[in-house]
Amino acid sequence: MADENLLTIGKVVKRLSEKHPDLSVSKIRFLESEGLLNPARTPAGYRFYSADDIARLEAVLFLQNTKFLPLDVIKERLDSGNAEATLDAIETSNAIDGEEVLENVHPIDKACEYLNVTPAFLSELAKTNVISFQVSRSGHEFIDGKDFPLIRLADALSRLGLEPRNLRQFVNSANREAGIFEQILAPIKSRISSGGARGRSTEVVSNASRKNAQKEYDAQLEALINLTQKLHEQLLYRIFNK
Protein backbone atom coordinates (compact mmCIF):
# COMPACT_ATOMS: atom_id res chain seq x y z
CA MET A 1 0.00 0.00 0.00
CA ALA A 2 1.25 3.48 -0.81
CA ASP A 3 2.27 5.91 1.94
CA GLU A 4 -0.69 8.12 2.93
CA ASN A 5 1.38 11.22 2.13
CA LEU A 6 1.83 10.13 -1.51
CA LEU A 7 -0.69 11.11 -4.17
CA THR A 8 -1.75 9.43 -7.37
CA ILE A 9 -1.37 11.39 -10.60
CA GLY A 10 -5.11 12.07 -10.68
CA LYS A 11 -5.08 13.53 -7.17
CA VAL A 12 -2.10 15.73 -8.08
CA VAL A 13 -4.09 17.21 -10.97
CA LYS A 14 -7.08 17.76 -8.67
CA ARG A 15 -4.95 19.42 -5.97
CA LEU A 16 -3.28 21.81 -8.40
CA SER A 17 -6.29 22.45 -10.61
CA GLU A 18 -7.19 25.75 -8.96
CA LYS A 19 -3.70 27.17 -9.46
CA HIS A 20 -3.09 25.45 -12.81
CA PRO A 21 -6.45 24.87 -14.56
CA ASP A 22 -4.74 23.67 -17.76
CA LEU A 23 -2.86 20.89 -15.95
CA SER A 24 -3.76 17.37 -17.03
CA VAL A 25 -2.65 13.79 -16.48
CA SER A 26 -1.17 13.68 -19.97
CA LYS A 27 0.84 16.85 -19.35
CA ILE A 28 2.35 15.43 -16.16
CA ARG A 29 3.23 12.22 -17.99
CA PHE A 30 4.86 14.27 -20.76
CA LEU A 31 6.98 16.18 -18.21
CA GLU A 32 8.02 12.84 -16.74
CA SER A 33 9.00 11.54 -20.20
CA GLU A 34 11.20 14.65 -20.58
CA GLY A 35 13.02 13.82 -17.35
CA LEU A 36 11.56 16.67 -15.30
CA LEU A 37 9.70 14.42 -12.87
CA ASN A 38 10.61 11.08 -11.37
CA PRO A 39 7.76 9.85 -9.13
CA ALA A 40 7.84 6.63 -7.19
CA ARG A 41 6.20 3.63 -8.86
CA THR A 42 4.57 0.50 -7.55
CA PRO A 43 5.53 -2.90 -9.02
CA ALA A 44 2.38 -2.60 -11.12
CA GLY A 45 3.59 0.70 -12.56
CA TYR A 46 1.28 3.12 -10.73
CA ARG A 47 2.82 6.54 -10.08
CA PHE A 48 2.82 8.13 -6.62
CA TYR A 49 3.93 11.71 -6.00
CA SER A 50 5.53 13.02 -2.82
CA ALA A 51 5.45 16.61 -1.52
CA ASP A 52 8.89 17.14 -3.12
CA ASP A 53 7.58 15.87 -6.47
CA ILE A 54 4.64 18.27 -6.30
CA ALA A 55 6.88 21.21 -5.36
CA ARG A 56 9.14 20.39 -8.31
CA LEU A 57 6.11 20.15 -10.62
CA GLU A 58 4.90 23.59 -9.47
CA ALA A 59 8.36 25.05 -10.09
CA VAL A 60 8.37 23.55 -13.60
CA LEU A 61 4.93 24.96 -14.39
CA PHE A 62 5.85 28.40 -13.09
CA LEU A 63 9.11 28.60 -15.03
CA GLN A 64 7.39 27.32 -18.15
CA ASN A 65 4.33 29.58 -17.98
CA THR A 66 5.81 32.84 -16.69
CA LYS A 67 9.51 32.74 -17.53
CA PHE A 68 8.92 30.95 -20.86
CA LEU A 69 12.00 28.79 -20.38
CA PRO A 70 12.43 25.66 -22.54
CA LEU A 71 12.11 22.37 -20.72
CA ASP A 72 15.79 21.46 -21.07
CA VAL A 73 16.80 24.73 -19.39
CA ILE A 74 14.25 24.20 -16.61
CA LYS A 75 15.57 20.69 -16.03
CA GLU A 76 19.14 21.94 -15.86
CA ARG A 77 18.24 24.62 -13.34
CA LEU A 78 16.29 22.24 -11.13
CA ASP A 79 18.85 19.44 -11.31
CA SER A 80 21.68 21.83 -10.46
CA GLY A 81 19.98 22.66 -7.17
CA ASN A 82 19.43 26.25 -8.25
CA ALA A 83 17.34 27.75 -5.44
CA GLU A 84 15.99 30.45 -7.73
CA ALA A 85 13.41 28.05 -9.14
CA THR A 86 12.15 27.26 -5.65
CA LEU A 87 11.91 30.98 -4.80
CA ASP A 88 10.03 31.63 -8.02
CA ALA A 89 7.55 28.90 -7.16
CA ILE A 90 7.02 30.35 -3.68
CA GLU A 91 6.42 33.85 -5.07
CA THR A 92 3.89 32.51 -7.51
CA SER A 93 2.03 30.47 -4.87
CA ASN A 94 1.83 33.52 -2.57
CA ALA A 95 0.57 35.70 -5.41
CA ILE A 96 -2.14 33.20 -6.37
CA ASP A 97 -3.53 32.93 -2.84
CA GLY A 98 -6.83 34.78 -2.85
CA GLU A 99 -8.33 36.96 -0.14
CA GLU A 100 -10.50 34.04 0.97
CA VAL A 101 -7.35 32.04 1.73
CA LEU A 102 -5.32 34.77 3.41
CA GLU A 103 -8.11 36.39 5.43
CA ASN A 104 -9.52 33.20 6.99
CA VAL A 105 -8.41 30.48 9.37
CA HIS A 106 -8.07 26.90 8.16
CA PRO A 107 -8.22 23.48 9.85
CA ILE A 108 -4.81 21.87 10.21
CA ASP A 109 -5.57 19.04 7.80
CA LYS A 110 -6.84 21.41 5.10
CA ALA A 111 -3.83 23.70 5.53
CA CYS A 112 -1.47 20.73 5.21
CA GLU A 113 -3.21 19.60 2.05
CA TYR A 114 -3.13 23.09 0.54
CA LEU A 115 0.54 23.72 1.41
CA ASN A 116 1.85 20.17 0.88
CA VAL A 117 3.32 19.94 4.40
CA THR A 118 2.71 17.60 7.32
CA PRO A 119 1.00 18.33 10.67
CA ALA A 120 4.31 17.49 12.37
CA PHE A 121 6.05 20.22 10.36
CA LEU A 122 3.43 22.78 11.42
CA SER A 123 3.79 21.67 15.04
CA GLU A 124 7.55 22.25 14.87
CA LEU A 125 6.96 25.74 13.47
CA ALA A 126 4.52 26.46 16.28
CA LYS A 127 7.03 25.27 18.90
CA THR A 128 9.56 27.80 17.63
CA ASN A 129 6.90 30.55 17.44
CA VAL A 130 7.25 30.97 13.69
CA ILE A 131 3.47 30.48 13.54
CA SER A 132 0.77 30.00 16.14
CA PHE A 133 -2.28 27.78 16.25
CA GLN A 134 -5.72 29.13 17.01
CA VAL A 135 -7.80 26.80 19.17
CA SER A 136 -11.60 26.70 19.00
CA ARG A 137 -13.82 26.19 22.03
CA SER A 138 -14.16 22.54 21.03
CA GLY A 139 -10.36 22.17 21.09
CA HIS A 140 -9.77 22.02 17.33
CA GLU A 141 -6.65 23.75 16.01
CA PHE A 142 -6.60 26.18 13.09
CA ILE A 143 -3.99 28.08 11.07
CA ASP A 144 -4.34 31.74 10.08
CA GLY A 145 -4.14 32.12 6.30
CA LYS A 146 -1.79 35.09 6.80
CA ASP A 147 0.82 32.56 8.01
CA PHE A 148 0.81 30.62 4.71
CA PRO A 149 3.71 32.63 3.16
CA LEU A 150 5.77 32.01 6.31
CA ILE A 151 5.04 28.29 6.14
CA ARG A 152 6.12 28.12 2.49
CA LEU A 153 9.39 29.89 3.27
CA ALA A 154 10.07 27.58 6.21
CA ASP A 155 9.34 24.56 4.01
CA ALA A 156 11.78 25.79 1.34
CA LEU A 157 14.45 26.43 3.99
CA SER A 158 13.97 22.93 5.41
CA ARG A 159 14.76 21.52 1.96
CA LEU A 160 18.06 23.42 2.14
CA GLY A 161 18.87 21.98 5.57
CA LEU A 162 17.51 24.73 7.84
CA GLU A 163 15.04 22.89 10.05
CA PRO A 164 12.18 24.54 11.99
CA ARG A 165 14.11 24.23 15.25
CA ASN A 166 16.86 26.40 13.71
CA LEU A 167 14.41 29.24 13.04
CA ARG A 168 14.00 30.25 16.67
CA GLN A 169 16.92 32.69 16.44
CA PHE A 170 15.26 34.41 13.48
CA VAL A 171 12.04 34.78 15.47
CA ASN A 172 13.96 36.26 18.42
CA SER A 173 15.80 38.62 16.10
CA ALA A 174 12.51 39.77 14.51
CA ASN A 175 11.03 40.43 17.97
CA ARG A 176 14.07 42.53 18.94
CA GLU A 177 13.86 44.51 15.70
CA ALA A 178 10.13 45.05 16.22
CA GLY A 179 10.89 46.56 19.64
CA ILE A 180 13.36 49.02 18.09
CA PHE A 181 10.92 49.91 15.31
CA GLU A 182 8.16 50.56 17.83
CA GLN A 183 10.36 53.09 19.62
CA ILE A 184 11.14 54.87 16.34
CA LEU A 185 7.50 54.89 15.25
CA ALA A 186 6.06 55.84 18.64
CA PRO A 187 5.68 59.60 17.86
CA ILE A 188 3.72 58.84 14.67
CA LYS A 189 1.61 56.23 16.45
CA SER A 190 0.77 58.81 19.09
CA ARG A 191 -0.50 61.16 16.37
CA ILE A 192 -2.68 58.34 15.00
CA SER A 193 -4.22 57.82 18.44
CA SER A 194 -4.80 61.53 19.12
CA GLY A 195 -5.75 62.45 15.59
CA GLY A 196 -3.05 65.09 15.53
CA ALA A 197 -5.70 67.71 16.09
CA ARG A 198 -4.90 69.25 19.46
CA GLY A 199 -6.81 72.41 19.99
CA ARG A 200 -9.25 71.67 17.17
CA SER A 201 -12.74 70.33 17.63
CA THR A 202 -13.59 69.57 14.01
CA GLU A 203 -14.03 65.82 13.50
CA VAL A 204 -13.20 66.06 9.77
CA VAL A 205 -9.82 67.59 10.53
CA SER A 206 -9.15 64.91 13.15
CA ASN A 207 -9.99 62.06 10.76
CA ALA A 208 -7.83 63.56 8.00
CA SER A 209 -4.93 63.90 10.43
CA ARG A 210 -5.27 60.28 11.49
CA LYS A 211 -5.28 59.11 7.88
CA ASN A 212 -2.17 61.16 7.06
CA ALA A 213 -0.40 59.89 10.16
CA GLN A 214 -1.36 56.29 9.28
CA LYS A 215 0.06 56.70 5.77
CA GLU A 216 3.29 58.10 7.23
CA TYR A 217 3.44 55.22 9.73
CA ASP A 218 2.95 52.57 7.02
CA ALA A 219 5.54 54.17 4.71
CA GLN A 220 8.18 54.47 7.43
CA LEU A 221 7.59 50.91 8.65
CA GLU A 222 7.96 49.58 5.10
CA ALA A 223 11.17 51.58 4.65
CA LEU A 224 12.60 50.29 7.94
CA ILE A 225 11.81 46.68 7.01
CA ASN A 226 13.26 46.97 3.49
CA LEU A 227 16.42 48.75 4.58
CA THR A 228 17.16 46.43 7.50
CA GLN A 229 16.63 43.42 5.20
CA LYS A 230 19.19 44.85 2.77
CA LEU A 231 21.57 45.55 5.65
CA HIS A 232 21.19 41.95 6.86
CA GLU A 233 21.91 40.64 3.34
CA GLN A 234 25.02 42.78 2.94
CA LEU A 235 26.38 41.75 6.35
CA LEU A 236 25.98 38.07 5.45
CA TYR A 237 27.58 38.52 2.02
CA ARG A 238 30.51 40.30 3.67
CA ILE A 239 30.99 37.39 6.08
CA PHE A 240 30.93 34.74 3.33
CA ASN A 241 33.08 36.75 0.92
CA LYS A 242 35.98 37.26 3.33
C-alpha atoms as a PDB file:
ATOM      1  CA  MET A   1       0.000   0.000   0.000  1.00  0.00           C
ATOM      2  CA  ALA A   2       1.254   3.477  -0.812  1.00  0.00           C
ATOM      3  CA  ASP A   3       2.273   5.911   1.937  1.00  0.00           C
ATOM      4  CA  GLU A   4      -0.685   8.123   2.927  1.00  0.00           C
ATOM      5  CA  ASN A   5       1.382  11.219   2.126  1.00  0.00           C
ATOM      6  CA  LEU A   6       1.827  10.134  -1.506  1.00  0.00           C
ATOM      7  CA  LEU A   7      -0.686  11.112  -4.166  1.00  0.00           C
ATOM      8  CA  THR A   8      -1.749   9.430  -7.374  1.00  0.00           C
ATOM      9  CA  ILE A   9      -1.367  11.393 -10.599  1.00  0.00           C
ATOM     10  CA  GLY A  10      -5.107  12.072 -10.684  1.00  0.00           C
ATOM     11  CA  LYS A  11      -5.082  13.525  -7.169  1.00  0.00           C
ATOM     12  CA  VAL A  12      -2.098  15.730  -8.080  1.00  0.00           C
ATOM     13  CA  VAL A  13      -4.087  17.210 -10.971  1.00  0.00           C
ATOM     14  CA  LYS A  14      -7.075  17.759  -8.667  1.00  0.00           C
ATOM     15  CA  ARG A  15      -4.953  19.418  -5.974  1.00  0.00           C
ATOM     16  CA  LEU A  16      -3.276  21.815  -8.398  1.00  0.00           C
ATOM     17  CA  SER A  17      -6.294  22.453 -10.614  1.00  0.00           C
ATOM     18  CA  GLU A  18      -7.187  25.755  -8.957  1.00  0.00           C
ATOM     19  CA  LYS A  19      -3.701  27.174  -9.457  1.00  0.00           C
ATOM     20  CA  HIS A  20      -3.093  25.448 -12.808  1.00  0.00           C
ATOM     21  CA  PRO A  21      -6.448  24.874 -14.560  1.00  0.00           C
ATOM     22  CA  ASP A  22      -4.740  23.671 -17.760  1.00  0.00           C
ATOM     23  CA  LEU A  23      -2.858  20.893 -15.948  1.00  0.00           C
ATOM     24  CA  SER A  24      -3.764  17.367 -17.033  1.00  0.00           C
ATOM     25  CA  VAL A  25      -2.646  13.794 -16.483  1.00  0.00           C
ATOM     26  CA  SER A  26      -1.170  13.676 -19.973  1.00  0.00           C
ATOM     27  CA  LYS A  27       0.840  16.849 -19.348  1.00  0.00           C
ATOM     28  CA  ILE A  28       2.348  15.434 -16.159  1.00  0.00           C
ATOM     29  CA  ARG A  29       3.231  12.220 -17.989  1.00  0.00           C
ATOM     30  CA  PHE A  30       4.859  14.271 -20.756  1.00  0.00           C
ATOM     31  CA  LEU A  31       6.982  16.179 -18.212  1.00  0.00           C
ATOM     32  CA  GLU A  32       8.015  12.843 -16.744  1.00  0.00           C
ATOM     33  CA  SER A  33       9.005  11.542 -20.205  1.00  0.00           C
ATOM     34  CA  GLU A  34      11.196  14.652 -20.584  1.00  0.00           C
ATOM     35  CA  GLY A  35      13.021  13.817 -17.346  1.00  0.00           C
ATOM     36  CA  LEU A  36      11.561  16.669 -15.302  1.00  0.00           C
ATOM     37  CA  LEU A  37       9.700  14.418 -12.871  1.00  0.00           C
ATOM     38  CA  ASN A  38      10.607  11.077 -11.371  1.00  0.00           C
ATOM     39  CA  PRO A  39       7.759   9.850  -9.134  1.00  0.00           C
ATOM     40  CA  ALA A  40       7.839   6.626  -7.193  1.00  0.00           C
ATOM     41  CA  ARG A  41       6.205   3.632  -8.860  1.00  0.00           C
ATOM     42  CA  THR A  42       4.568   0.504  -7.549  1.00  0.00           C
ATOM     43  CA  PRO A  43       5.531  -2.903  -9.024  1.00  0.00           C
ATOM     44  CA  ALA A  44       2.376  -2.599 -11.123  1.00  0.00           C
ATOM     45  CA  GLY A  45       3.594   0.701 -12.556  1.00  0.00           C
ATOM     46  CA  TYR A  46       1.285   3.117 -10.728  1.00  0.00           C
ATOM     47  CA  ARG A  47       2.818   6.543 -10.076  1.00  0.00           C
ATOM     48  CA  PHE A  48       2.818   8.125  -6.617  1.00  0.00           C
ATOM     49  CA  TYR A  49       3.931  11.708  -5.999  1.00  0.00           C
ATOM     50  CA  SER A  50       5.533  13.023  -2.816  1.00  0.00           C
ATOM     51  CA  ALA A  51       5.447  16.613  -1.523  1.00  0.00           C
ATOM     52  CA  ASP A  52       8.887  17.138  -3.119  1.00  0.00           C
ATOM     53  CA  ASP A  53       7.576  15.866  -6.471  1.00  0.00           C
ATOM     54  CA  ILE A  54       4.643  18.272  -6.299  1.00  0.00           C
ATOM     55  CA  ALA A  55       6.882  21.210  -5.357  1.00  0.00           C
ATOM     56  CA  ARG A  56       9.141  20.386  -8.314  1.00  0.00           C
ATOM     57  CA  LEU A  57       6.115  20.148 -10.617  1.00  0.00           C
ATOM     58  CA  GLU A  58       4.901  23.592  -9.472  1.00  0.00           C
ATOM     59  CA  ALA A  59       8.358  25.047 -10.090  1.00  0.00           C
ATOM     60  CA  VAL A  60       8.373  23.545 -13.603  1.00  0.00           C
ATOM     61  CA  LEU A  61       4.930  24.959 -14.388  1.00  0.00           C
ATOM     62  CA  PHE A  62       5.851  28.401 -13.091  1.00  0.00           C
ATOM     63  CA  LEU A  63       9.115  28.603 -15.032  1.00  0.00           C
ATOM     64  CA  GLN A  64       7.394  27.316 -18.148  1.00  0.00           C
ATOM     65  CA  ASN A  65       4.335  29.578 -17.984  1.00  0.00           C
ATOM     66  CA  THR A  66       5.807  32.844 -16.690  1.00  0.00           C
ATOM     67  CA  LYS A  67       9.513  32.740 -17.532  1.00  0.00           C
ATOM     68  CA  PHE A  68       8.915  30.951 -20.860  1.00  0.00           C
ATOM     69  CA  LEU A  69      11.996  28.791 -20.382  1.00  0.00           C
ATOM     70  CA  PRO A  70      12.433  25.663 -22.537  1.00  0.00           C
ATOM     71  CA  LEU A  71      12.110  22.369 -20.720  1.00  0.00           C
ATOM     72  CA  ASP A  72      15.786  21.459 -21.066  1.00  0.00           C
ATOM     73  CA  VAL A  73      16.801  24.732 -19.387  1.00  0.00           C
ATOM     74  CA  ILE A  74      14.250  24.201 -16.610  1.00  0.00           C
ATOM     75  CA  LYS A  75      15.565  20.686 -16.033  1.00  0.00           C
ATOM     76  CA  GLU A  76      19.142  21.941 -15.864  1.00  0.00           C
ATOM     77  CA  ARG A  77      18.238  24.615 -13.342  1.00  0.00           C
ATOM     78  CA  LEU A  78      16.289  22.238 -11.128  1.00  0.00           C
ATOM     79  CA  ASP A  79      18.855  19.443 -11.315  1.00  0.00           C
ATOM     80  CA  SER A  80      21.679  21.834 -10.462  1.00  0.00           C
ATOM     81  CA  GLY A  81      19.981  22.660  -7.170  1.00  0.00           C
ATOM     82  CA  ASN A  82      19.425  26.252  -8.245  1.00  0.00           C
ATOM     83  CA  ALA A  83      17.341  27.745  -5.435  1.00  0.00           C
ATOM     84  CA  GLU A  84      15.990  30.447  -7.732  1.00  0.00           C
ATOM     85  CA  ALA A  85      13.413  28.052  -9.140  1.00  0.00           C
ATOM     86  CA  THR A  86      12.146  27.263  -5.649  1.00  0.00           C
ATOM     87  CA  LEU A  87      11.910  30.979  -4.798  1.00  0.00           C
ATOM     88  CA  ASP A  88      10.027  31.633  -8.019  1.00  0.00           C
ATOM     89  CA  ALA A  89       7.547  28.900  -7.162  1.00  0.00           C
ATOM     90  CA  ILE A  90       7.025  30.355  -3.678  1.00  0.00           C
ATOM     91  CA  GLU A  91       6.416  33.853  -5.069  1.00  0.00           C
ATOM     92  CA  THR A  92       3.887  32.508  -7.512  1.00  0.00           C
ATOM     93  CA  SER A  93       2.026  30.475  -4.869  1.00  0.00           C
ATOM     94  CA  ASN A  94       1.835  33.515  -2.575  1.00  0.00           C
ATOM     95  CA  ALA A  95       0.567  35.703  -5.410  1.00  0.00           C
ATOM     96  CA  ILE A  96      -2.139  33.195  -6.369  1.00  0.00           C
ATOM     97  CA  ASP A  97      -3.526  32.934  -2.837  1.00  0.00           C
ATOM     98  CA  GLY A  98      -6.832  34.783  -2.851  1.00  0.00           C
ATOM     99  CA  GLU A  99      -8.326  36.963  -0.142  1.00  0.00           C
ATOM    100  CA  GLU A 100     -10.502  34.042   0.969  1.00  0.00           C
ATOM    101  CA  VAL A 101      -7.351  32.042   1.734  1.00  0.00           C
ATOM    102  CA  LEU A 102      -5.316  34.770   3.405  1.00  0.00           C
ATOM    103  CA  GLU A 103      -8.105  36.390   5.429  1.00  0.00           C
ATOM    104  CA  ASN A 104      -9.517  33.199   6.991  1.00  0.00           C
ATOM    105  CA  VAL A 105      -8.411  30.483   9.369  1.00  0.00           C
ATOM    106  CA  HIS A 106      -8.071  26.900   8.159  1.00  0.00           C
ATOM    107  CA  PRO A 107      -8.224  23.480   9.849  1.00  0.00           C
ATOM    108  CA  ILE A 108      -4.809  21.870  10.208  1.00  0.00           C
ATOM    109  CA  ASP A 109      -5.572  19.036   7.805  1.00  0.00           C
ATOM    110  CA  LYS A 110      -6.840  21.411   5.105  1.00  0.00           C
ATOM    111  CA  ALA A 111      -3.829  23.702   5.535  1.00  0.00           C
ATOM    112  CA  CYS A 112      -1.469  20.733   5.208  1.00  0.00           C
ATOM    113  CA  GLU A 113      -3.214  19.599   2.047  1.00  0.00           C
ATOM    114  CA  TYR A 114      -3.128  23.091   0.544  1.00  0.00           C
ATOM    115  CA  LEU A 115       0.545  23.715   1.409  1.00  0.00           C
ATOM    116  CA  ASN A 116       1.854  20.173   0.876  1.00  0.00           C
ATOM    117  CA  VAL A 117       3.316  19.945   4.395  1.00  0.00           C
ATOM    118  CA  THR A 118       2.711  17.600   7.323  1.00  0.00           C
ATOM    119  CA  PRO A 119       1.001  18.334  10.668  1.00  0.00           C
ATOM    120  CA  ALA A 120       4.312  17.488  12.367  1.00  0.00           C
ATOM    121  CA  PHE A 121       6.046  20.217  10.358  1.00  0.00           C
ATOM    122  CA  LEU A 122       3.427  22.784  11.418  1.00  0.00           C
ATOM    123  CA  SER A 123       3.793  21.673  15.037  1.00  0.00           C
ATOM    124  CA  GLU A 124       7.546  22.252  14.866  1.00  0.00           C
ATOM    125  CA  LEU A 125       6.964  25.744  13.467  1.00  0.00           C
ATOM    126  CA  ALA A 126       4.516  26.461  16.278  1.00  0.00           C
ATOM    127  CA  LYS A 127       7.032  25.270  18.904  1.00  0.00           C
ATOM    128  CA  THR A 128       9.563  27.799  17.626  1.00  0.00           C
ATOM    129  CA  ASN A 129       6.905  30.551  17.442  1.00  0.00           C
ATOM    130  CA  VAL A 130       7.249  30.973  13.687  1.00  0.00           C
ATOM    131  CA  ILE A 131       3.471  30.484  13.538  1.00  0.00           C
ATOM    132  CA  SER A 132       0.769  29.995  16.143  1.00  0.00           C
ATOM    133  CA  PHE A 133      -2.279  27.778  16.253  1.00  0.00           C
ATOM    134  CA  GLN A 134      -5.721  29.129  17.012  1.00  0.00           C
ATOM    135  CA  VAL A 135      -7.796  26.804  19.168  1.00  0.00           C
ATOM    136  CA  SER A 136     -11.595  26.702  19.001  1.00  0.00           C
ATOM    137  CA  ARG A 137     -13.822  26.186  22.025  1.00  0.00           C
ATOM    138  CA  SER A 138     -14.156  22.542  21.034  1.00  0.00           C
ATOM    139  CA  GLY A 139     -10.365  22.165  21.091  1.00  0.00           C
ATOM    140  CA  HIS A 140      -9.774  22.017  17.332  1.00  0.00           C
ATOM    141  CA  GLU A 141      -6.649  23.749  16.008  1.00  0.00           C
ATOM    142  CA  PHE A 142      -6.604  26.177  13.089  1.00  0.00           C
ATOM    143  CA  ILE A 143      -3.992  28.081  11.074  1.00  0.00           C
ATOM    144  CA  ASP A 144      -4.337  31.741  10.079  1.00  0.00           C
ATOM    145  CA  GLY A 145      -4.136  32.125   6.297  1.00  0.00           C
ATOM    146  CA  LYS A 146      -1.792  35.091   6.802  1.00  0.00           C
ATOM    147  CA  ASP A 147       0.816  32.562   8.005  1.00  0.00           C
ATOM    148  CA  PHE A 148       0.809  30.623   4.714  1.00  0.00           C
ATOM    149  CA  PRO A 149       3.706  32.634   3.156  1.00  0.00           C
ATOM    150  CA  LEU A 150       5.768  32.013   6.313  1.00  0.00           C
ATOM    151  CA  ILE A 151       5.043  28.291   6.143  1.00  0.00           C
ATOM    152  CA  ARG A 152       6.119  28.121   2.490  1.00  0.00           C
ATOM    153  CA  LEU A 153       9.389  29.894   3.272  1.00  0.00           C
ATOM    154  CA  ALA A 154      10.071  27.583   6.215  1.00  0.00           C
ATOM    155  CA  ASP A 155       9.343  24.557   4.013  1.00  0.00           C
ATOM    156  CA  ALA A 156      11.782  25.785   1.344  1.00  0.00           C
ATOM    157  CA  LEU A 157      14.450  26.425   3.992  1.00  0.00           C
ATOM    158  CA  SER A 158      13.967  22.927   5.409  1.00  0.00           C
ATOM    159  CA  ARG A 159      14.764  21.520   1.957  1.00  0.00           C
ATOM    160  CA  LEU A 160      18.064  23.416   2.139  1.00  0.00           C
ATOM    161  CA  GLY A 161      18.868  21.982   5.570  1.00  0.00           C
ATOM    162  CA  LEU A 162      17.514  24.734   7.839  1.00  0.00           C
ATOM    163  CA  GLU A 163      15.041  22.890  10.049  1.00  0.00           C
ATOM    164  CA  PRO A 164      12.179  24.538  11.989  1.00  0.00           C
ATOM    165  CA  ARG A 165      14.112  24.228  15.249  1.00  0.00           C
ATOM    166  CA  ASN A 166      16.859  26.400  13.707  1.00  0.00           C
ATOM    167  CA  LEU A 167      14.410  29.239  13.035  1.00  0.00           C
ATOM    168  CA  ARG A 168      14.004  30.249  16.674  1.00  0.00           C
ATOM    169  CA  GLN A 169      16.919  32.692  16.444  1.00  0.00           C
ATOM    170  CA  PHE A 170      15.257  34.413  13.477  1.00  0.00           C
ATOM    171  CA  VAL A 171      12.037  34.784  15.469  1.00  0.00           C
ATOM    172  CA  ASN A 172      13.959  36.256  18.418  1.00  0.00           C
ATOM    173  CA  SER A 173      15.798  38.624  16.096  1.00  0.00           C
ATOM    174  CA  ALA A 174      12.514  39.771  14.514  1.00  0.00           C
ATOM    175  CA  ASN A 175      11.035  40.430  17.968  1.00  0.00           C
ATOM    176  CA  ARG A 176      14.071  42.525  18.939  1.00  0.00           C
ATOM    177  CA  GLU A 177      13.860  44.508  15.704  1.00  0.00           C
ATOM    178  CA  ALA A 178      10.132  45.050  16.221  1.00  0.00           C
ATOM    179  CA  GLY A 179      10.893  46.556  19.642  1.00  0.00           C
ATOM    180  CA  ILE A 180      13.360  49.017  18.090  1.00  0.00           C
ATOM    181  CA  PHE A 181      10.923  49.908  15.306  1.00  0.00           C
ATOM    182  CA  GLU A 182       8.155  50.555  17.835  1.00  0.00           C
ATOM    183  CA  GLN A 183      10.363  53.093  19.621  1.00  0.00           C
ATOM    184  CA  ILE A 184      11.145  54.874  16.341  1.00  0.00           C
ATOM    185  CA  LEU A 185       7.503  54.895  15.245  1.00  0.00           C
ATOM    186  CA  ALA A 186       6.064  55.842  18.639  1.00  0.00           C
ATOM    187  CA  PRO A 187       5.682  59.600  17.861  1.00  0.00           C
ATOM    188  CA  ILE A 188       3.720  58.837  14.670  1.00  0.00           C
ATOM    189  CA  LYS A 189       1.611  56.234  16.453  1.00  0.00           C
ATOM    190  CA  SER A 190       0.771  58.813  19.089  1.00  0.00           C
ATOM    191  CA  ARG A 191      -0.497  61.157  16.374  1.00  0.00           C
ATOM    192  CA  ILE A 192      -2.685  58.341  15.005  1.00  0.00           C
ATOM    193  CA  SER A 193      -4.218  57.820  18.439  1.00  0.00           C
ATOM    194  CA  SER A 194      -4.795  61.527  19.119  1.00  0.00           C
ATOM    195  CA  GLY A 195      -5.753  62.449  15.587  1.00  0.00           C
ATOM    196  CA  GLY A 196      -3.051  65.088  15.530  1.00  0.00           C
ATOM    197  CA  ALA A 197      -5.702  67.712  16.088  1.00  0.00           C
ATOM    198  CA  ARG A 198      -4.905  69.247  19.461  1.00  0.00           C
ATOM    199  CA  GLY A 199      -6.805  72.414  19.986  1.00  0.00           C
ATOM    200  CA  ARG A 200      -9.252  71.674  17.174  1.00  0.00           C
ATOM    201  CA  SER A 201     -12.735  70.325  17.632  1.00  0.00           C
ATOM    202  CA  THR A 202     -13.586  69.573  14.008  1.00  0.00           C
ATOM    203  CA  GLU A 203     -14.033  65.819  13.504  1.00  0.00           C
ATOM    204  CA  VAL A 204     -13.204  66.063   9.770  1.00  0.00           C
ATOM    205  CA  VAL A 205      -9.816  67.591  10.527  1.00  0.00           C
ATOM    206  CA  SER A 206      -9.151  64.912  13.155  1.00  0.00           C
ATOM    207  CA  ASN A 207      -9.986  62.061  10.760  1.00  0.00           C
ATOM    208  CA  ALA A 208      -7.832  63.557   8.002  1.00  0.00           C
ATOM    209  CA  SER A 209      -4.933  63.900  10.433  1.00  0.00           C
ATOM    210  CA  ARG A 210      -5.275  60.284  11.494  1.00  0.00           C
ATOM    211  CA  LYS A 211      -5.283  59.114   7.883  1.00  0.00           C
ATOM    212  CA  ASN A 212      -2.167  61.156   7.065  1.00  0.00           C
ATOM    213  CA  ALA A 213      -0.398  59.890  10.163  1.00  0.00           C
ATOM    214  CA  GLN A 214      -1.358  56.288   9.276  1.00  0.00           C
ATOM    215  CA  LYS A 215       0.064  56.696   5.771  1.00  0.00           C
ATOM    216  CA  GLU A 216       3.290  58.096   7.230  1.00  0.00           C
ATOM    217  CA  TYR A 217       3.442  55.217   9.725  1.00  0.00           C
ATOM    218  CA  ASP A 218       2.953  52.571   7.024  1.00  0.00           C
ATOM    219  CA  ALA A 219       5.536  54.166   4.712  1.00  0.00           C
ATOM    220  CA  GLN A 220       8.179  54.468   7.429  1.00  0.00           C
ATOM    221  CA  LEU A 221       7.591  50.911   8.653  1.00  0.00           C
ATOM    222  CA  GLU A 222       7.963  49.582   5.103  1.00  0.00           C
ATOM    223  CA  ALA A 223      11.172  51.581   4.649  1.00  0.00           C
ATOM    224  CA  LEU A 224      12.596  50.290   7.941  1.00  0.00           C
ATOM    225  CA  ILE A 225      11.809  46.680   7.009  1.00  0.00           C
ATOM    226  CA  ASN A 226      13.262  46.966   3.488  1.00  0.00           C
ATOM    227  CA  LEU A 227      16.425  48.753   4.580  1.00  0.00           C
ATOM    228  CA  THR A 228      17.163  46.427   7.498  1.00  0.00           C
ATOM    229  CA  GLN A 229      16.632  43.424   5.201  1.00  0.00           C
ATOM    230  CA  LYS A 230      19.191  44.849   2.766  1.00  0.00           C
ATOM    231  CA  LEU A 231      21.567  45.548   5.648  1.00  0.00           C
ATOM    232  CA  HIS A 232      21.190  41.954   6.859  1.00  0.00           C
ATOM    233  CA  GLU A 233      21.910  40.636   3.343  1.00  0.00           C
ATOM    234  CA  GLN A 234      25.020  42.782   2.945  1.00  0.00           C
ATOM    235  CA  LEU A 235      26.379  41.749   6.348  1.00  0.00           C
ATOM    236  CA  LEU A 236      25.976  38.067   5.446  1.00  0.00           C
ATOM    237  CA  TYR A 237      27.576  38.523   2.023  1.00  0.00           C
ATOM    238  CA  ARG A 238      30.510  40.304   3.665  1.00  0.00           C
ATOM    239  CA  ILE A 239      30.988  37.394   6.080  1.00  0.00           C
ATOM    240  CA  PHE A 240      30.926  34.745   3.328  1.00  0.00           C
ATOM    241  CA  ASN A 241      33.083  36.747   0.919  1.00  0.00           C
ATOM    242  CA  LYS A 242      35.977  37.258   3.333  1.00  0.00           C
END
